[in-house]
Amino acid sequence: MLISITGFFGYKIFQKRIKSILVPEIEESKVAGINSIQAILYLILGLALLILSAQVLVGAASSIAEQLGVSTAIIGLTIVALGTSLPELAASITCVLKGHHDLAIGNIVGSNLLNLLAVLPFPGLLSAGPFDPSLLYRDYFGVLILTLLLAFFCHRAIKKNKMIGRINGMIFLSIYGGWFTLMLIQVQS
């Protein structure tokens, strides 16, 4: 279903963009002063730092969970999720500030697809273990509902030739705040 929604919005965005000439946009987005070799070196350096920081993040999160007596699932759903999402948030904000709104949406949808279809299977493939059923009912169902809500907002914005505005952003932030509060209540009980 997620693939269908992504495909639909990809088609709609492509359909709108095909009417304009893309060459000036591509030339405008080139980074000045960086050649291909430098870009590849920066990419490799960034990936190496990402791998090292991921190991530190997992160790620190496990330690926090142990010290607080909290489930590692709760720490994973809150602190680790926030820490791993900050680069995506920074990239999306940069895209929006530079006027590349479609790139920001693509970053969000693409990241979620990658997490669901490529990242999620690996723990099970490498070391299968018990699965907490509350994750399925509370969290995965929530992801599905929020994906459908985002699809609705995007469809409405495309249909009316408008943007996903601040009110919609506040709705999503409020939902996250409510979900985070639910996590804290569950930890305390």
N, C-alpha and C. Protein backbone atom coordinates (compact mmCIF):
# COMPACT_ATOMS: atom_id res chain seq x y z
N MET A 1 0.82 -1.18 0.00
CA MET A 1 0.00 0.00 0.00
C MET A 1 0.88 1.26 0.00
N LEU A 2 1.95 1.21 0.81
CA LEU A 2 2.86 2.34 0.88
C LEU A 2 3.53 2.58 -0.48
N ILE A 3 3.86 1.49 -1.16
CA ILE A 3 4.47 1.60 -2.48
C ILE A 3 3.48 2.21 -3.47
N SER A 4 2.22 1.82 -3.37
CA SER A 4 1.19 2.38 -4.26
C SER A 4 1.03 3.87 -4.04
N ILE A 5 0.99 4.28 -2.76
CA ILE A 5 0.84 5.70 -2.44
C ILE A 5 2.05 6.47 -2.96
N THR A 6 3.24 5.94 -2.73
CA THR A 6 4.45 6.60 -3.20
C THR A 6 4.46 6.69 -4.72
N GLY A 7 4.08 5.61 -5.38
CA GLY A 7 4.01 5.61 -6.84
C GLY A 7 3.03 6.64 -7.36
N PHE A 8 1.87 6.73 -6.71
CA PHE A 8 0.85 7.69 -7.13
C PHE A 8 1.37 9.12 -7.03
N PHE A 9 1.96 9.46 -5.87
CA PHE A 9 2.46 10.82 -5.70
C PHE A 9 3.68 11.10 -6.57
N GLY A 10 4.50 10.08 -6.78
CA GLY A 10 5.62 10.24 -7.71
C GLY A 10 5.12 10.56 -9.11
N TYR A 11 4.08 9.86 -9.54
CA TYR A 11 3.48 10.12 -10.86
C TYR A 11 2.91 11.52 -10.92
N LYS A 12 2.19 11.95 -9.87
CA LYS A 12 1.58 13.29 -9.87
C LYS A 12 2.65 14.38 -9.92
N ILE A 13 3.71 14.20 -9.15
CA ILE A 13 4.79 15.19 -9.15
C ILE A 13 5.47 15.20 -10.51
N PHE A 14 5.73 14.02 -11.07
CA PHE A 14 6.34 13.93 -12.40
C PHE A 14 5.45 14.61 -13.43
N GLN A 15 4.15 14.38 -13.34
CA GLN A 15 3.19 14.95 -14.28
C GLN A 15 3.23 16.48 -14.22
N LYS A 16 3.32 17.05 -13.00
CA LYS A 16 3.38 18.50 -12.87
C LYS A 16 4.72 19.06 -13.36
N ARG A 17 5.79 18.34 -13.09
CA ARG A 17 7.12 18.82 -13.43
C ARG A 17 7.44 18.69 -14.92
N ILE A 18 6.81 17.76 -15.59
CA ILE A 18 7.13 17.53 -17.00
C ILE A 18 6.80 18.75 -17.85
N LYS A 19 5.91 19.60 -17.35
CA LYS A 19 5.50 20.78 -18.10
C LYS A 19 6.57 21.88 -18.09
N SER A 20 7.46 21.82 -17.09
CA SER A 20 8.48 22.86 -17.00
C SER A 20 9.81 22.35 -17.55
N ILE A 21 10.70 23.25 -17.84
CA ILE A 21 12.04 22.88 -18.33
C ILE A 21 12.94 22.68 -17.13
N LEU A 22 13.60 21.52 -17.06
CA LEU A 22 14.39 21.16 -15.89
C LEU A 22 15.85 21.58 -15.97
N VAL A 23 16.35 21.92 -17.14
CA VAL A 23 17.76 22.22 -17.29
C VAL A 23 18.21 23.40 -16.41
N PRO A 24 17.49 24.54 -16.37
CA PRO A 24 17.95 25.63 -15.49
C PRO A 24 17.98 25.22 -14.02
N GLU A 25 17.02 24.39 -13.60
CA GLU A 25 16.98 23.96 -12.20
C GLU A 25 18.18 23.08 -11.88
N ILE A 26 18.56 22.22 -12.79
CA ILE A 26 19.71 21.33 -12.58
C ILE A 26 20.99 22.15 -12.51
N GLU A 27 21.15 23.11 -13.43
CA GLU A 27 22.36 23.93 -13.43
C GLU A 27 22.44 24.77 -12.17
N GLU A 28 21.28 25.25 -11.69
CA GLU A 28 21.25 26.08 -10.50
C GLU A 28 21.65 25.30 -9.25
N SER A 29 21.34 24.00 -9.22
CA SER A 29 21.57 23.21 -8.02
C SER A 29 22.98 22.63 -7.93
N LYS A 30 23.84 22.87 -8.93
CA LYS A 30 25.21 22.37 -8.86
C LYS A 30 25.97 23.07 -7.74
N VAL A 31 26.76 22.31 -7.02
CA VAL A 31 27.55 22.87 -5.92
C VAL A 31 28.82 23.46 -6.51
N ALA A 32 29.05 24.72 -6.24
CA ALA A 32 30.22 25.41 -6.79
C ALA A 32 31.47 25.00 -6.03
N GLY A 33 32.56 24.75 -6.77
CA GLY A 33 33.85 24.51 -6.16
C GLY A 33 34.12 23.08 -5.72
N ILE A 34 33.22 22.15 -5.95
CA ILE A 34 33.45 20.76 -5.56
C ILE A 34 33.39 19.89 -6.81
N ASN A 35 34.50 19.20 -7.09
CA ASN A 35 34.48 18.30 -8.24
C ASN A 35 34.00 16.91 -7.81
N SER A 36 33.90 16.01 -8.75
CA SER A 36 33.35 14.68 -8.48
C SER A 36 34.18 13.89 -7.48
N ILE A 37 35.50 13.98 -7.58
CA ILE A 37 36.37 13.23 -6.67
C ILE A 37 36.19 13.74 -5.24
N GLN A 38 36.15 15.06 -5.06
CA GLN A 38 35.93 15.61 -3.72
C GLN A 38 34.57 15.19 -3.18
N ALA A 39 33.56 15.21 -4.01
CA ALA A 39 32.22 14.81 -3.58
C ALA A 39 32.20 13.35 -3.13
N ILE A 40 32.88 12.48 -3.86
CA ILE A 40 32.95 11.06 -3.49
C ILE A 40 33.70 10.89 -2.17
N LEU A 41 34.80 11.63 -2.00
CA LEU A 41 35.56 11.56 -0.74
C LEU A 41 34.72 12.04 0.44
N TYR A 42 33.98 13.13 0.25
CA TYR A 42 33.09 13.62 1.31
C TYR A 42 32.01 12.59 1.63
N LEU A 43 31.49 11.94 0.61
CA LEU A 43 30.48 10.90 0.81
C LEU A 43 31.04 9.74 1.63
N ILE A 44 32.23 9.27 1.27
CA ILE A 44 32.87 8.16 2.00
C ILE A 44 33.16 8.56 3.45
N LEU A 45 33.69 9.77 3.64
CA LEU A 45 33.97 10.26 4.99
C LEU A 45 32.68 10.35 5.81
N GLY A 46 31.63 10.88 5.21
CA GLY A 46 30.35 10.99 5.90
C GLY A 46 29.78 9.64 6.28
N LEU A 47 29.88 8.66 5.38
CA LEU A 47 29.40 7.31 5.69
C LEU A 47 30.20 6.67 6.81
N ALA A 48 31.53 6.87 6.80
CA ALA A 48 32.37 6.31 7.87
C ALA A 48 32.00 6.91 9.22
N LEU A 49 31.82 8.23 9.26
CA LEU A 49 31.42 8.89 10.50
C LEU A 49 30.04 8.43 10.95
N LEU A 50 29.16 8.21 10.00
CA LEU A 50 27.81 7.73 10.31
C LEU A 50 27.85 6.35 10.96
N ILE A 51 28.67 5.46 10.43
CA ILE A 51 28.78 4.10 10.99
C ILE A 51 29.35 4.17 12.42
N LEU A 52 30.39 4.97 12.62
CA LEU A 52 30.98 5.11 13.96
C LEU A 52 29.97 5.71 14.94
N SER A 53 29.28 6.75 14.52
CA SER A 53 28.32 7.39 15.43
C SER A 53 27.13 6.48 15.71
N ALA A 54 26.76 5.62 14.78
CA ALA A 54 25.67 4.67 15.02
C ALA A 54 26.05 3.69 16.13
N GLN A 55 27.30 3.24 16.13
CA GLN A 55 27.75 2.33 17.18
C GLN A 55 27.73 3.02 18.55
N VAL A 56 28.16 4.26 18.59
CA VAL A 56 28.14 5.02 19.84
C VAL A 56 26.70 5.24 20.29
N LEU A 57 25.82 5.56 19.36
CA LEU A 57 24.41 5.81 19.68
C LEU A 57 23.75 4.58 20.29
N VAL A 58 23.97 3.41 19.70
CA VAL A 58 23.38 2.18 20.21
C VAL A 58 23.90 1.87 21.61
N GLY A 59 25.20 2.01 21.81
CA GLY A 59 25.78 1.76 23.14
C GLY A 59 25.25 2.71 24.19
N ALA A 60 25.18 3.99 23.85
CA ALA A 60 24.68 4.99 24.80
C ALA A 60 23.20 4.78 25.10
N ALA A 61 22.41 4.46 24.09
CA ALA A 61 20.97 4.23 24.28
C ALA A 61 20.73 3.02 25.17
N SER A 62 21.48 1.96 24.96
CA SER A 62 21.35 0.76 25.80
C SER A 62 21.72 1.07 27.25
N SER A 63 22.76 1.86 27.42
CA SER A 63 23.19 2.25 28.77
C SER A 63 22.13 3.10 29.46
N ILE A 64 21.54 4.04 28.75
CA ILE A 64 20.48 4.88 29.31
C ILE A 64 19.29 4.02 29.72
N ALA A 65 18.89 3.10 28.86
CA ALA A 65 17.76 2.23 29.16
C ALA A 65 18.03 1.41 30.41
N GLU A 66 19.25 0.89 30.53
CA GLU A 66 19.63 0.08 31.69
C GLU A 66 19.59 0.91 32.97
N GLN A 67 20.17 2.12 32.92
CA GLN A 67 20.24 2.98 34.11
C GLN A 67 18.86 3.45 34.56
N LEU A 68 17.96 3.71 33.61
CA LEU A 68 16.62 4.19 33.95
C LEU A 68 15.65 3.05 34.21
N GLY A 69 16.05 1.83 33.90
CA GLY A 69 15.15 0.70 34.06
C GLY A 69 14.00 0.73 33.07
N VAL A 70 14.28 1.26 31.89
CA VAL A 70 13.27 1.42 30.84
C VAL A 70 13.52 0.39 29.75
N SER A 71 12.46 -0.04 29.11
CA SER A 71 12.58 -0.98 28.00
C SER A 71 13.43 -0.37 26.88
N THR A 72 14.28 -1.19 26.29
CA THR A 72 15.09 -0.69 25.17
C THR A 72 14.20 -0.33 23.98
N ALA A 73 13.02 -0.95 23.88
CA ALA A 73 12.09 -0.59 22.80
C ALA A 73 11.64 0.86 22.94
N ILE A 74 11.37 1.30 24.17
CA ILE A 74 10.95 2.69 24.41
C ILE A 74 12.09 3.64 24.06
N ILE A 75 13.31 3.31 24.47
CA ILE A 75 14.46 4.15 24.13
C ILE A 75 14.64 4.19 22.62
N GLY A 76 14.48 3.05 21.97
CA GLY A 76 14.60 3.00 20.51
C GLY A 76 13.54 3.84 19.82
N LEU A 77 12.33 3.82 20.36
CA LEU A 77 11.23 4.57 19.75
C LEU A 77 11.33 6.07 20.00
N THR A 78 12.13 6.47 20.97
CA THR A 78 12.20 7.89 21.30
C THR A 78 13.58 8.46 20.99
N ILE A 79 14.56 8.18 21.86
CA ILE A 79 15.88 8.80 21.73
C ILE A 79 16.60 8.38 20.46
N VAL A 80 16.66 7.08 20.19
CA VAL A 80 17.37 6.61 19.00
C VAL A 80 16.67 7.09 17.74
N ALA A 81 15.33 7.03 17.73
CA ALA A 81 14.59 7.49 16.55
C ALA A 81 14.85 8.98 16.29
N LEU A 82 14.87 9.78 17.35
CA LEU A 82 15.14 11.20 17.19
C LEU A 82 16.56 11.42 16.69
N GLY A 83 17.52 10.72 17.29
CA GLY A 83 18.92 10.87 16.88
C GLY A 83 19.17 10.49 15.44
N THR A 84 18.53 9.42 14.99
CA THR A 84 18.75 8.98 13.61
C THR A 84 17.94 9.80 12.61
N SER A 85 16.92 10.50 13.09
CA SER A 85 16.09 11.30 12.18
C SER A 85 16.60 12.73 12.03
N LEU A 86 17.48 13.17 12.90
CA LEU A 86 17.97 14.55 12.81
C LEU A 86 18.64 14.87 11.48
N PRO A 87 19.48 13.97 10.91
CA PRO A 87 20.04 14.29 9.59
C PRO A 87 18.95 14.45 8.51
N GLU A 88 17.91 13.62 8.56
CA GLU A 88 16.81 13.75 7.61
C GLU A 88 16.08 15.07 7.81
N LEU A 89 15.89 15.44 9.08
CA LEU A 89 15.23 16.70 9.39
C LEU A 89 16.05 17.87 8.86
N ALA A 90 17.36 17.83 9.08
CA ALA A 90 18.23 18.91 8.58
C ALA A 90 18.19 18.98 7.06
N ALA A 91 18.22 17.83 6.40
CA ALA A 91 18.16 17.81 4.93
C ALA A 91 16.83 18.35 4.43
N SER A 92 15.74 17.96 5.07
CA SER A 92 14.42 18.43 4.65
C SER A 92 14.26 19.93 4.85
N ILE A 93 14.74 20.43 5.98
CA ILE A 93 14.66 21.87 6.24
C ILE A 93 15.48 22.63 5.21
N THR A 94 16.68 22.14 4.90
CA THR A 94 17.52 22.78 3.89
C THR A 94 16.82 22.79 2.54
N CYS A 95 16.21 21.67 2.17
CA CYS A 95 15.48 21.59 0.90
C CYS A 95 14.36 22.62 0.84
N VAL A 96 13.59 22.72 1.92
CA VAL A 96 12.46 23.65 1.94
C VAL A 96 12.95 25.09 1.87
N LEU A 97 14.01 25.41 2.62
CA LEU A 97 14.53 26.78 2.61
C LEU A 97 15.08 27.18 1.24
N LYS A 98 15.57 26.19 0.47
CA LYS A 98 16.07 26.48 -0.87
C LYS A 98 14.98 26.36 -1.93
N GLY A 99 13.73 26.10 -1.50
CA GLY A 99 12.62 26.05 -2.43
C GLY A 99 12.41 24.71 -3.12
N HIS A 100 13.08 23.67 -2.65
CA HIS A 100 12.95 22.34 -3.25
C HIS A 100 12.00 21.49 -2.39
N HIS A 101 10.73 21.88 -2.39
CA HIS A 101 9.73 21.22 -1.54
C HIS A 101 9.53 19.76 -1.94
N ASP A 102 9.56 19.50 -3.25
CA ASP A 102 9.38 18.12 -3.71
C ASP A 102 10.53 17.22 -3.25
N LEU A 103 11.71 17.78 -3.14
CA LEU A 103 12.86 17.01 -2.65
C LEU A 103 12.69 16.68 -1.16
N ALA A 104 12.11 17.61 -0.40
CA ALA A 104 11.86 17.36 1.03
C ALA A 104 10.86 16.23 1.21
N ILE A 105 9.77 16.25 0.45
CA ILE A 105 8.77 15.17 0.52
C ILE A 105 9.40 13.86 0.07
N GLY A 106 10.18 13.91 -1.00
CA GLY A 106 10.87 12.71 -1.48
C GLY A 106 11.81 12.14 -0.43
N ASN A 107 12.49 13.01 0.29
CA ASN A 107 13.39 12.58 1.37
C ASN A 107 12.61 11.85 2.45
N ILE A 108 11.48 12.39 2.84
CA ILE A 108 10.66 11.78 3.90
C ILE A 108 10.11 10.43 3.45
N VAL A 109 9.48 10.42 2.29
CA VAL A 109 8.86 9.18 1.79
C VAL A 109 9.94 8.14 1.50
N GLY A 110 11.03 8.57 0.85
CA GLY A 110 12.10 7.63 0.53
C GLY A 110 12.75 7.05 1.77
N SER A 111 12.95 7.87 2.78
CA SER A 111 13.54 7.40 4.02
C SER A 111 12.64 6.37 4.70
N ASN A 112 11.35 6.64 4.72
CA ASN A 112 10.42 5.69 5.33
C ASN A 112 10.37 4.38 4.55
N LEU A 113 10.38 4.48 3.23
CA LEU A 113 10.39 3.26 2.42
C LEU A 113 11.66 2.45 2.66
N LEU A 114 12.79 3.13 2.70
CA LEU A 114 14.05 2.45 2.96
C LEU A 114 14.04 1.78 4.33
N ASN A 115 13.55 2.50 5.34
CA ASN A 115 13.48 1.92 6.69
C ASN A 115 12.58 0.70 6.74
N LEU A 116 11.42 0.78 6.09
CA LEU A 116 10.47 -0.33 6.14
C LEU A 116 10.91 -1.52 5.30
N LEU A 117 11.49 -1.26 4.13
CA LEU A 117 11.76 -2.34 3.19
C LEU A 117 13.20 -2.85 3.21
N ALA A 118 14.14 -2.05 3.70
CA ALA A 118 15.54 -2.49 3.70
C ALA A 118 16.12 -2.60 5.11
N VAL A 119 15.82 -1.63 5.98
CA VAL A 119 16.41 -1.64 7.32
C VAL A 119 15.67 -2.61 8.24
N LEU A 120 14.36 -2.59 8.24
CA LEU A 120 13.56 -3.42 9.14
C LEU A 120 13.84 -4.92 9.01
N PRO A 121 14.02 -5.47 7.81
CA PRO A 121 14.25 -6.92 7.71
C PRO A 121 15.60 -7.40 8.26
N PHE A 122 16.62 -6.54 8.29
CA PHE A 122 17.96 -7.00 8.67
C PHE A 122 18.08 -7.55 10.08
N PRO A 123 17.51 -6.91 11.10
CA PRO A 123 17.62 -7.53 12.43
C PRO A 123 17.05 -8.95 12.47
N GLY A 124 15.93 -9.16 11.80
CA GLY A 124 15.35 -10.50 11.76
C GLY A 124 16.20 -11.48 10.98
N LEU A 125 16.84 -11.01 9.92
CA LEU A 125 17.70 -11.89 9.13
C LEU A 125 18.98 -12.25 9.87
N LEU A 126 19.52 -11.30 10.61
CA LEU A 126 20.79 -11.52 11.29
C LEU A 126 20.64 -12.25 12.62
N SER A 127 19.60 -11.91 13.37
CA SER A 127 19.42 -12.52 14.69
C SER A 127 17.95 -12.43 15.08
N ALA A 128 17.16 -13.40 14.67
CA ALA A 128 15.73 -13.40 14.98
C ALA A 128 15.53 -13.50 16.48
N GLY A 129 14.57 -12.75 16.99
CA GLY A 129 14.29 -12.75 18.42
C GLY A 129 12.81 -12.51 18.66
N PRO A 130 12.44 -12.34 19.93
CA PRO A 130 11.02 -12.13 20.25
C PRO A 130 10.55 -10.78 19.72
N PHE A 131 9.27 -10.71 19.45
CA PHE A 131 8.65 -9.51 18.89
C PHE A 131 7.56 -9.05 19.84
N ASP A 132 7.62 -7.82 20.28
CA ASP A 132 6.63 -7.26 21.19
C ASP A 132 5.36 -6.93 20.40
N PRO A 133 4.24 -7.61 20.68
CA PRO A 133 3.01 -7.37 19.91
C PRO A 133 2.49 -5.94 20.02
N SER A 134 2.81 -5.23 21.11
CA SER A 134 2.33 -3.85 21.24
C SER A 134 2.92 -2.96 20.15
N LEU A 135 4.12 -3.31 19.67
CA LEU A 135 4.71 -2.53 18.58
C LEU A 135 3.84 -2.59 17.34
N LEU A 136 3.28 -3.76 17.07
CA LEU A 136 2.44 -3.92 15.89
C LEU A 136 1.17 -3.10 16.02
N TYR A 137 0.50 -3.21 17.14
CA TYR A 137 -0.80 -2.56 17.29
C TYR A 137 -0.69 -1.06 17.52
N ARG A 138 0.29 -0.64 18.31
CA ARG A 138 0.40 0.77 18.63
C ARG A 138 1.22 1.53 17.58
N ASP A 139 2.40 1.05 17.27
CA ASP A 139 3.33 1.83 16.47
C ASP A 139 3.18 1.62 14.97
N TYR A 140 3.11 0.39 14.52
CA TYR A 140 3.01 0.16 13.08
C TYR A 140 1.66 0.63 12.54
N PHE A 141 0.61 0.44 13.33
CA PHE A 141 -0.70 0.95 12.92
C PHE A 141 -0.66 2.48 12.86
N GLY A 142 0.04 3.08 13.83
CA GLY A 142 0.20 4.54 13.82
C GLY A 142 0.95 5.03 12.60
N VAL A 143 2.00 4.31 12.20
CA VAL A 143 2.76 4.67 10.99
C VAL A 143 1.85 4.61 9.77
N LEU A 144 1.03 3.58 9.70
CA LEU A 144 0.10 3.45 8.57
C LEU A 144 -0.87 4.62 8.53
N ILE A 145 -1.46 4.96 9.66
CA ILE A 145 -2.42 6.07 9.72
C ILE A 145 -1.74 7.39 9.34
N LEU A 146 -0.55 7.63 9.86
CA LEU A 146 0.15 8.88 9.54
C LEU A 146 0.57 8.94 8.08
N THR A 147 0.93 7.82 7.50
CA THR A 147 1.26 7.78 6.07
C THR A 147 0.03 8.13 5.25
N LEU A 148 -1.10 7.57 5.62
CA LEU A 148 -2.35 7.89 4.91
C LEU A 148 -2.72 9.36 5.09
N LEU A 149 -2.49 9.91 6.28
CA LEU A 149 -2.77 11.32 6.52
C LEU A 149 -1.86 12.20 5.67
N LEU A 150 -0.58 11.86 5.59
CA LEU A 150 0.34 12.61 4.73
C LEU A 150 -0.08 12.51 3.27
N ALA A 151 -0.50 11.32 2.85
CA ALA A 151 -0.97 11.13 1.47
C ALA A 151 -2.18 12.01 1.20
N PHE A 152 -3.09 12.09 2.17
CA PHE A 152 -4.27 12.94 2.02
C PHE A 152 -3.87 14.40 1.88
N PHE A 153 -2.97 14.88 2.76
CA PHE A 153 -2.52 16.27 2.68
C PHE A 153 -1.83 16.57 1.35
N CYS A 154 -0.98 15.64 0.90
CA CYS A 154 -0.28 15.83 -0.38
C CYS A 154 -1.27 15.85 -1.54
N HIS A 155 -2.20 14.92 -1.53
CA HIS A 155 -3.19 14.86 -2.62
C HIS A 155 -4.01 16.14 -2.67
N ARG A 156 -4.44 16.61 -1.50
CA ARG A 156 -5.23 17.84 -1.43
C ARG A 156 -4.41 19.03 -1.92
N ALA A 157 -3.14 19.09 -1.53
CA ALA A 157 -2.27 20.20 -1.95
C ALA A 157 -2.05 20.17 -3.46
N ILE A 158 -1.84 18.99 -4.03
CA ILE A 158 -1.63 18.87 -5.47
C ILE A 158 -2.90 19.25 -6.22
N LYS A 159 -4.03 18.76 -5.74
CA LYS A 159 -5.31 19.01 -6.40
C LYS A 159 -5.66 20.49 -6.41
N LYS A 160 -5.40 21.18 -5.30
CA LYS A 160 -5.73 22.60 -5.20
C LYS A 160 -4.57 23.50 -5.62
N ASN A 161 -3.47 22.88 -6.09
CA ASN A 161 -2.28 23.61 -6.50
C ASN A 161 -1.77 24.51 -5.38
N LYS A 162 -1.74 23.96 -4.17
CA LYS A 162 -1.27 24.68 -3.00
C LYS A 162 -0.15 23.90 -2.34
N MET A 163 0.27 24.36 -1.17
CA MET A 163 1.35 23.70 -0.44
C MET A 163 0.79 23.00 0.80
N ILE A 164 1.61 22.10 1.33
CA ILE A 164 1.33 21.55 2.66
C ILE A 164 1.81 22.62 3.62
N GLY A 165 0.90 23.27 4.31
CA GLY A 165 1.24 24.46 5.08
C GLY A 165 1.59 24.22 6.53
N ARG A 166 1.70 25.32 7.25
CA ARG A 166 2.09 25.29 8.65
C ARG A 166 1.07 24.56 9.52
N ILE A 167 -0.21 24.73 9.19
CA ILE A 167 -1.25 24.06 9.99
C ILE A 167 -1.07 22.55 9.91
N ASN A 168 -0.83 22.03 8.71
CA ASN A 168 -0.61 20.59 8.57
C ASN A 168 0.64 20.16 9.33
N GLY A 169 1.68 20.98 9.28
CA GLY A 169 2.89 20.69 10.04
C GLY A 169 2.62 20.67 11.54
N MET A 170 1.81 21.61 12.01
CA MET A 170 1.46 21.64 13.43
C MET A 170 0.63 20.41 13.82
N ILE A 171 -0.21 19.95 12.91
CA ILE A 171 -0.99 18.73 13.17
C ILE A 171 -0.05 17.56 13.40
N PHE A 172 0.94 17.40 12.52
CA PHE A 172 1.88 16.29 12.66
C PHE A 172 2.73 16.44 13.93
N LEU A 173 3.17 17.65 14.25
CA LEU A 173 3.95 17.85 15.48
C LEU A 173 3.10 17.56 16.72
N SER A 174 1.82 17.93 16.69
CA SER A 174 0.92 17.64 17.80
C SER A 174 0.72 16.14 17.97
N ILE A 175 0.57 15.45 16.85
CA ILE A 175 0.43 13.99 16.91
C ILE A 175 1.68 13.37 17.51
N TYR A 176 2.86 13.86 17.09
CA TYR A 176 4.11 13.33 17.65
C TYR A 176 4.18 13.61 19.15
N GLY A 177 3.79 14.82 19.56
CA GLY A 177 3.78 15.16 20.98
C GLY A 177 2.86 14.24 21.77
N GLY A 178 1.68 13.95 21.21
CA GLY A 178 0.75 13.03 21.87
C GLY A 178 1.31 11.63 21.96
N TRP A 179 1.93 11.17 20.88
CA TRP A 179 2.52 9.83 20.87
C TRP A 179 3.66 9.74 21.89
N PHE A 180 4.50 10.78 21.94
CA PHE A 180 5.62 10.80 22.88
C PHE A 180 5.10 10.80 24.32
N THR A 181 4.03 11.55 24.58
CA THR A 181 3.41 11.56 25.91
C THR A 181 2.90 10.17 26.27
N LEU A 182 2.29 9.49 25.31
CA LEU A 182 1.82 8.12 25.52
C LEU A 182 2.98 7.21 25.90
N MET A 183 4.13 7.38 25.24
CA MET A 183 5.31 6.58 25.57
C MET A 183 5.75 6.83 27.01
N LEU A 184 5.76 8.10 27.44
CA LEU A 184 6.18 8.44 28.80
C LEU A 184 5.21 7.86 29.83
N ILE A 185 3.92 7.91 29.54
CA ILE A 185 2.92 7.35 30.45
C ILE A 185 3.11 5.84 30.58
N GLN A 186 3.38 5.18 29.47
CA GLN A 186 3.58 3.74 29.50
C GLN A 186 4.85 3.36 30.26
N VAL A 187 5.87 4.19 30.19
CA VAL A 187 7.12 3.92 30.92
C VAL A 187 6.87 4.03 32.43
N GLN A 188 6.09 5.02 32.84
CA GLN A 188 5.85 5.25 34.26
C GLN A 188 4.93 4.21 34.88
N SER A 189 4.07 3.58 34.08
CA SER A 189 3.13 2.60 34.66
C SER A 189 3.67 1.20 34.65
